[in-house]
Protein backbone atom coordinates (compact mmCIF):
# COMPACT_ATOMS: atom_id res chain seq x y z
CA MET A 1 60.67 -195.76 -195.53
CA ALA A 2 62.97 -199.01 -195.33
CA ILE A 3 66.35 -198.40 -194.03
CA LYS A 4 69.01 -200.18 -196.26
CA ILE A 5 71.90 -201.78 -194.18
CA ARG A 6 75.21 -201.97 -196.45
CA LYS A 7 77.51 -204.33 -195.44
CA ARG A 8 81.37 -202.98 -195.03
CA THR A 9 83.61 -204.48 -197.11
CA PRO A 10 87.06 -205.29 -195.36
CA SER A 11 90.27 -203.08 -196.43
CA ASP A 12 93.20 -204.83 -197.80
CA ALA A 13 95.12 -204.24 -194.50
CA GLU A 14 92.33 -205.89 -192.80
CA VAL A 15 92.54 -208.74 -195.09
CA MET A 16 96.02 -209.25 -194.40
CA GLU A 17 95.57 -208.99 -190.65
CA ARG A 18 93.22 -211.81 -190.45
CA ALA A 19 94.90 -213.82 -192.59
CA ALA A 20 97.98 -213.59 -190.52
CA ALA A 21 96.12 -214.08 -187.56
CA ILE A 22 94.81 -217.73 -189.09
CA LEU A 23 98.44 -218.33 -190.38
CA LEU A 24 99.55 -217.70 -186.67
CA ARG A 25 97.27 -219.63 -184.76
CA GLU A 26 98.08 -222.62 -187.22
CA MET A 27 102.03 -222.29 -185.89
CA VAL A 28 101.29 -222.16 -182.33
CA HIS A 29 102.12 -225.62 -180.31
CA ARG A 30 104.16 -226.74 -183.66
CA GLU A 31 107.77 -227.02 -183.88
CA VAL A 32 108.09 -223.57 -185.97
CA LEU A 33 111.10 -224.95 -187.44
CA SER A 34 109.39 -227.60 -188.99
CA ALA A 35 107.08 -225.57 -190.96
CA PRO A 36 109.15 -222.96 -192.44
CA ALA A 37 106.77 -222.16 -195.33
CA ALA A 38 104.12 -221.28 -192.80
CA VAL A 39 106.65 -218.84 -191.24
CA ARG A 40 107.39 -217.07 -194.56
CA ASP A 41 103.51 -217.06 -194.97
CA TYR A 42 102.98 -215.48 -191.61
CA LEU A 43 105.70 -212.86 -192.01
CA ARG A 44 104.59 -211.82 -195.48
CA HIS A 45 101.01 -211.63 -194.65
CA LEU A 46 102.19 -209.99 -191.21
CA MET A 47 104.62 -207.01 -192.65
CA GLY A 48 105.00 -207.51 -196.55
CA THR A 49 102.48 -204.66 -197.63
CA GLN A 50 103.46 -202.40 -194.57
CA GLU A 51 104.02 -199.09 -195.64
CA ARG A 52 106.61 -198.46 -192.80
CA GLU A 53 109.30 -200.56 -191.58
CA VAL A 54 108.13 -202.68 -189.09
CA PHE A 55 110.72 -205.29 -186.81
CA ALA A 56 108.97 -208.22 -185.12
CA CYS A 57 110.40 -211.27 -182.91
CA LEU A 58 108.53 -214.49 -182.88
CA PHE A 59 109.62 -216.21 -179.49
CA LEU A 60 109.95 -220.05 -179.07
CA ASP A 61 110.17 -222.33 -176.56
CA SER A 62 112.99 -225.08 -175.98
CA GLN A 63 111.42 -227.04 -178.53
CA ASN A 64 111.09 -224.51 -180.79
CA ARG A 65 107.14 -223.97 -180.68
CA LEU A 66 105.87 -220.52 -180.97
CA LEU A 67 105.05 -218.96 -177.72
CA ASP A 68 104.29 -215.67 -179.17
CA ALA A 69 104.82 -213.11 -182.21
CA GLU A 70 104.82 -209.32 -182.02
CA VAL A 71 105.90 -206.09 -183.70
CA LEU A 72 108.04 -204.46 -181.28
CA PHE A 73 109.19 -201.37 -183.30
CA THR A 74 107.80 -199.39 -186.00
CA GLY A 75 109.59 -196.71 -187.89
CA THR A 76 109.37 -194.68 -190.88
CA LEU A 77 109.65 -195.43 -194.72
CA ALA A 78 112.97 -196.50 -194.70
CA GLN A 79 114.38 -197.45 -191.18
CA THR A 80 113.50 -198.55 -187.83
CA SER A 81 115.16 -198.33 -184.47
CA VAL A 82 115.50 -201.38 -182.76
CA PHE A 83 116.79 -201.51 -179.05
CA PRO A 84 118.37 -204.69 -177.68
CA ARG A 85 117.42 -204.12 -174.34
CA GLU A 86 113.74 -204.09 -175.33
CA VAL A 87 114.28 -207.07 -177.08
CA VAL A 88 116.06 -209.02 -174.41
CA LYS A 89 113.13 -207.96 -172.03
CA ALA A 90 110.18 -208.98 -174.27
CA ALA A 91 111.83 -212.55 -174.85
CA LEU A 92 112.41 -212.76 -170.86
CA LEU A 93 109.11 -211.49 -170.35
CA ARG A 94 107.73 -214.65 -172.50
CA ASN A 95 110.33 -217.30 -171.09
CA ALA A 96 111.38 -217.64 -174.40
CA ALA A 97 114.44 -219.98 -175.40
CA ALA A 98 114.74 -218.84 -178.78
CA VAL A 99 113.93 -216.35 -181.13
CA ILE A 100 113.21 -215.39 -184.85
CA PHE A 101 113.53 -211.76 -185.83
CA ALA A 102 111.95 -210.34 -188.83
CA HIS A 103 111.52 -206.82 -190.58
CA ASN A 104 110.45 -205.56 -193.41
CA HIS A 105 111.41 -203.45 -196.61
CA PRO A 106 108.62 -201.18 -198.03
CA SER A 107 111.13 -200.63 -201.01
CA GLY A 108 110.04 -204.12 -202.26
CA VAL A 109 114.08 -205.17 -202.26
CA ALA A 110 114.84 -208.21 -199.75
CA GLU A 111 118.37 -207.57 -199.58
CA PRO A 112 119.68 -207.13 -196.27
CA SER A 113 121.38 -203.77 -195.47
CA CYS A 114 124.60 -203.26 -193.50
CA ALA A 115 122.64 -201.87 -190.39
CA ASP A 116 120.17 -204.96 -190.78
CA MET A 117 123.47 -207.26 -190.30
CA MET A 118 125.04 -205.21 -187.32
CA ILE A 119 121.66 -205.09 -185.37
CA THR A 120 121.33 -208.65 -185.89
CA GLN A 121 124.88 -209.20 -184.22
CA ALA A 122 124.44 -206.66 -181.39
CA LEU A 123 120.78 -208.62 -180.54
CA LYS A 124 122.63 -212.20 -180.95
CA GLN A 125 125.17 -210.96 -178.51
CA ALA A 126 122.68 -209.47 -176.17
CA LEU A 127 120.47 -212.61 -175.67
CA ALA A 128 123.39 -215.03 -175.77
CA LEU A 129 124.04 -213.15 -172.49
CA VAL A 130 120.83 -214.55 -171.28
CA ASP A 131 120.72 -218.08 -173.04
CA VAL A 132 118.15 -217.14 -175.94
CA LYS A 133 119.27 -218.44 -179.22
CA VAL A 134 118.49 -216.57 -182.59
CA LEU A 135 117.28 -219.07 -185.03
CA ASP A 136 117.14 -216.58 -188.07
CA HIS A 137 116.22 -213.15 -189.16
CA PHE A 138 114.01 -212.59 -191.99
CA VAL A 139 113.57 -209.63 -194.42
CA VAL A 140 110.13 -209.32 -195.77
CA THR A 141 108.58 -207.78 -198.77
CA ALA A 142 105.28 -208.36 -200.45
CA GLY A 143 106.48 -210.88 -202.68
CA ALA A 144 109.74 -212.49 -200.81
CA CYS A 145 111.34 -213.45 -197.43
CA LEU A 146 114.92 -213.73 -197.47
CA SER A 147 116.24 -215.68 -194.64
CA PHE A 148 119.52 -214.64 -192.74
CA ALA A 149 120.33 -218.57 -191.80
CA GLU A 150 120.04 -219.89 -195.09
CA ARG A 151 122.29 -217.18 -196.43
CA GLY A 152 124.84 -218.03 -194.05
CA ILE A 153 124.49 -214.46 -192.48
CA LEU A 154 123.62 -215.58 -189.17
């Protein structure tokens, strides 16, 4: 009796995760600000289809090259708690000179809330104490990626 081996097909989440990893590799050692489309694509693949709200940081060196990217906090359907102390620790651990924040809105609406703007200002103040610049904060959905810097919010 012959045994049939069936190949497992990856889930949509696995495909998105793999795509995000490929895009991340493309951004490493490049000036992130010179490739805003790559940053947006990476963020959409990383968190655009997540069912829960997540908050991520892109850590950059003094030449705005990507050092690391990490989802630091995971929350519920409508919110996530972000702790400035943990963000500062993560930036110092990587010796980052600058950061870009991103979080998703599972609702599909890419407009920043008042809470989004308040936490961005709190993080900016906390990081300024240790000479880490906040370059941008993105609100990400499956179809959009809104930049605080482009909106003049930052």
